[in-house]
C-alpha atoms as a PDB file:
ATOM      1  CA  MET A   1       0.000   0.000   0.000  1.00  0.00           C
ATOM      2  CA  LEU A   2       1.282   3.414  -0.946  1.00  0.00           C
ATOM      3  CA  PRO A   3       1.813   5.616   2.121  1.00  0.00           C
ATOM      4  CA  THR A   4      -0.363   8.721   1.973  1.00  0.00           C
ATOM      5  CA  GLN A   5       0.275  10.374   5.348  1.00  0.00           C
ATOM      6  CA  CYS A   6       3.499  11.606   6.923  1.00  0.00           C
ATOM      7  CA  PRO A   7       4.566   9.228   9.711  1.00  0.00           C
ATOM      8  CA  SER A   8       5.772  12.199  11.785  1.00  0.00           C
ATOM      9  CA  CYS A   9       2.975  14.761  11.564  1.00  0.00           C
ATOM     10  CA  GLN A  10       0.153  12.849   9.767  1.00  0.00           C
ATOM     11  CA  GLU A  11      -0.134  15.478   7.011  1.00  0.00           C
ATOM     12  CA  GLN A  12      -0.871  14.442   3.412  1.00  0.00           C
ATOM     13  CA  LEU A  13       2.192  13.273   1.473  1.00  0.00           C
ATOM     14  CA  ASN A  14       2.888  14.468  -2.076  1.00  0.00           C
ATOM     15  CA  VAL A  15       4.667  12.692  -4.894  1.00  0.00           C
ATOM     16  CA  THR A  16       7.994  14.373  -5.705  1.00  0.00           C
ATOM     17  CA  CYS A  17       9.602  11.941  -8.150  1.00  0.00           C
ATOM     18  CA  LEU A  18       8.428   9.508 -10.797  1.00  0.00           C
ATOM     19  CA  LYS A  19      10.878   7.118 -12.436  1.00  0.00           C
ATOM     20  CA  CYS A  20      10.618   4.973 -15.553  1.00  0.00           C
ATOM     21  CA  ALA A  21      11.600   1.416 -14.653  1.00  0.00           C
ATOM     22  CA  HIS A  22      12.587   0.790 -18.286  1.00  0.00           C
ATOM     23  CA  CYS A  23      14.986   3.643 -19.108  1.00  0.00           C
ATOM     24  CA  GLY A  24      15.570   5.307 -15.745  1.00  0.00           C
ATOM     25  CA  THR A  25      14.184   8.707 -16.722  1.00  0.00           C
ATOM     26  CA  GLU A  26      13.078  10.651 -13.651  1.00  0.00           C
ATOM     27  CA  VAL A  27      10.523  13.444 -13.418  1.00  0.00           C
ATOM     28  CA  HIS A  28      10.737  15.686 -10.355  1.00  0.00           C
ATOM     29  CA  GLY A  29       8.147  18.099  -8.998  1.00  0.00           C
ATOM     30  CA  VAL A  30       5.478  18.259  -6.328  1.00  0.00           C
ATOM     31  CA  TYR A  31       2.296  16.435  -7.285  1.00  0.00           C
ATOM     32  CA  ASP A  32      -0.806  15.606  -5.283  1.00  0.00           C
ATOM     33  CA  LEU A  33      -1.756  11.961  -4.967  1.00  0.00           C
ATOM     34  CA  PRO A  34      -4.823  11.013  -7.030  1.00  0.00           C
ATOM     35  CA  LEU A  35      -8.067  11.322  -5.086  1.00  0.00           C
ATOM     36  CA  LEU A  36      -8.696   7.580  -4.842  1.00  0.00           C
ATOM     37  CA  ALA A  37      -5.126   6.952  -3.648  1.00  0.00           C
ATOM     38  CA  ARG A  38      -5.808   9.257  -0.706  1.00  0.00           C
ATOM     39  CA  LEU A  39      -8.566   6.960   0.565  1.00  0.00           C
ATOM     40  CA  THR A  40      -7.744   4.289   3.127  1.00  0.00           C
ATOM     41  CA  GLU A  41      -6.979   0.803   1.853  1.00  0.00           C
ATOM     42  CA  ALA A  42     -10.352  -0.410   3.168  1.00  0.00           C
ATOM     43  CA  ASP A  43     -12.152   2.404   1.337  1.00  0.00           C
ATOM     44  CA  GLN A  44     -10.247   1.634  -1.873  1.00  0.00           C
ATOM     45  CA  GLN A  45     -11.258  -2.025  -1.593  1.00  0.00           C
ATOM     46  CA  PHE A  46     -14.880  -0.969  -1.113  1.00  0.00           C
ATOM     47  CA  VAL A  47     -14.724   1.225  -4.241  1.00  0.00           C
ATOM     48  CA  LEU A  48     -13.222  -1.670  -6.247  1.00  0.00           C
ATOM     49  CA  ARG A  49     -15.939  -4.017  -5.023  1.00  0.00           C
ATOM     50  CA  PHE A  50     -18.549  -1.372  -5.897  1.00  0.00           C
ATOM     51  CA  VAL A  51     -17.240  -1.088  -9.463  1.00  0.00           C
ATOM     52  CA  LYS A  52     -16.964  -4.876  -9.896  1.00  0.00           C
ATOM     53  CA  SER A  53     -20.577  -5.277  -8.775  1.00  0.00           C
ATOM     54  CA  SER A  54     -21.667  -2.646 -11.329  1.00  0.00           C
ATOM     55  CA  GLY A  55     -22.710  -0.355  -8.512  1.00  0.00           C
ATOM     56  CA  SER A  56     -25.175  -2.810  -7.005  1.00  0.00           C
ATOM     57  CA  LEU A  57     -25.249  -2.212  -3.262  1.00  0.00           C
ATOM     58  CA  LYS A  58     -27.662  -5.119  -2.927  1.00  0.00           C
ATOM     59  CA  GLU A  59     -25.097  -7.460  -4.502  1.00  0.00           C
ATOM     60  CA  MET A  60     -22.338  -6.002  -2.334  1.00  0.00           C
ATOM     61  CA  ALA A  61     -24.411  -6.508   0.809  1.00  0.00           C
ATOM     62  CA  THR A  62     -24.850 -10.161  -0.098  1.00  0.00           C
ATOM     63  CA  GLN A  63     -21.138 -10.638  -0.857  1.00  0.00           C
ATOM     64  CA  MET A  64     -20.039  -8.822   2.296  1.00  0.00           C
ATOM     65  CA  LYS A  65     -22.679 -10.510   4.464  1.00  0.00           C
ATOM     66  CA  LEU A  66     -23.899  -7.112   5.644  1.00  0.00           C
ATOM     67  CA  SER A  67     -27.280  -5.431   5.538  1.00  0.00           C
ATOM     68  CA  TYR A  68     -28.091  -3.114   2.668  1.00  0.00           C
ATOM     69  CA  PRO A  69     -28.329  -0.078   5.006  1.00  0.00           C
ATOM     70  CA  THR A  70     -24.870  -0.845   6.410  1.00  0.00           C
ATOM     71  CA  VAL A  71     -23.342  -1.006   2.929  1.00  0.00           C
ATOM     72  CA  ARG A  72     -25.184   2.191   1.980  1.00  0.00           C
ATOM     73  CA  ASN A  73     -23.741   3.893   5.077  1.00  0.00           C
ATOM     74  CA  LEU A  74     -20.234   2.747   4.136  1.00  0.00           C
ATOM     75  CA  LEU A  75     -20.681   4.246   0.681  1.00  0.00           C
ATOM     76  CA  ASN A  76     -22.035   7.474   2.174  1.00  0.00           C
ATOM     77  CA  GLU A  77     -18.960   7.734   4.421  1.00  0.00           C
ATOM     78  CA  ILE A  78     -16.644   7.381   1.409  1.00  0.00           C
ATOM     79  CA  ILE A  79     -18.648   9.967  -0.517  1.00  0.00           C
ATOM     80  CA  GLN A  80     -18.325  12.347   2.446  1.00  0.00           C
ATOM     81  CA  LYS A  81     -14.531  11.788   2.589  1.00  0.00           C
ATOM     82  CA  ILE A  82     -14.267  12.540  -1.131  1.00  0.00           C
ATOM     83  CA  ASN A  83     -16.410  15.666  -0.805  1.00  0.00           C
ATOM     84  CA  ASP A  84     -14.362  16.864   2.185  1.00  0.00           C
ATOM     85  CA  ASP A  85     -11.114  16.223   0.309  1.00  0.00           C
ATOM     86  CA  GLU A  86     -12.246  18.251  -2.707  1.00  0.00           C
ATOM     87  CA  LYS A  87     -12.901  21.375  -0.605  1.00  0.00           C
END
């Protein structure tokens, strides 16, 4: 899992270098992590499961052995995190 928070102060980390594994070219700068990469690993797994189930919360609830309202609440929490992050 890609670290997204500073281990010292817990602030958001930025990408400062990208390197081509093939030729070794490096690109330096300060770049924000993509929005989905800033979510927790559990939230990322939920989003992947959501996409794989074609957005069916009913199917996800069955797969996860959770109630539909619980799965809906999990999705709402992720939506809130995304909305908060975009502000």
